[in-house]
């Protein structure tokens, strides 16, 4: 299957970071259940009762922009982080302080990719990762890798016939 060789049912989808405190990571089957939730978009089964995970809304990256992203001389980690910035459209249920502003503008370091979520927003997300004892950049890297896979044609369970 080549890049962009199928037509997805929808070009938008929602993911939750695997380290979101609203997820029940103590479940013996968490890893499997998290993968299923990523594929189906149903987060209820792994959410702690009474809590809401932060929902990250994305749009698939079109084939032309994907090709430009892969033309960048950078490793897969940087490409995943850029994919996150390319495709993020909304953050929902962020918490009391409200989600960071999603300013999208051209990045001088990757002008051919079009508007990206600003580096300032990424700094806020890095702060969340660090506050949870994770590595800076872990949130956009983790979700960006999933965005890349889906944009390249790895079909989620919810779209398999």
Foldseek 3Di string as FASTA:
>chain_A
DFFPPDDFPFQKAKAFFLPFPQFQPVPPCSVVVNQLCRQAVDRVVGGHPPDDTKIWMWGADAPVLLVLLVVDPDDLQVSLLQLLFLTTDDIPPPDDVDQDDQDWAADPVRNVNGTGRDVVSLVVVLVVQVVSVHHRSPRSSVVSVVSVCVSRPPHGPNRDD
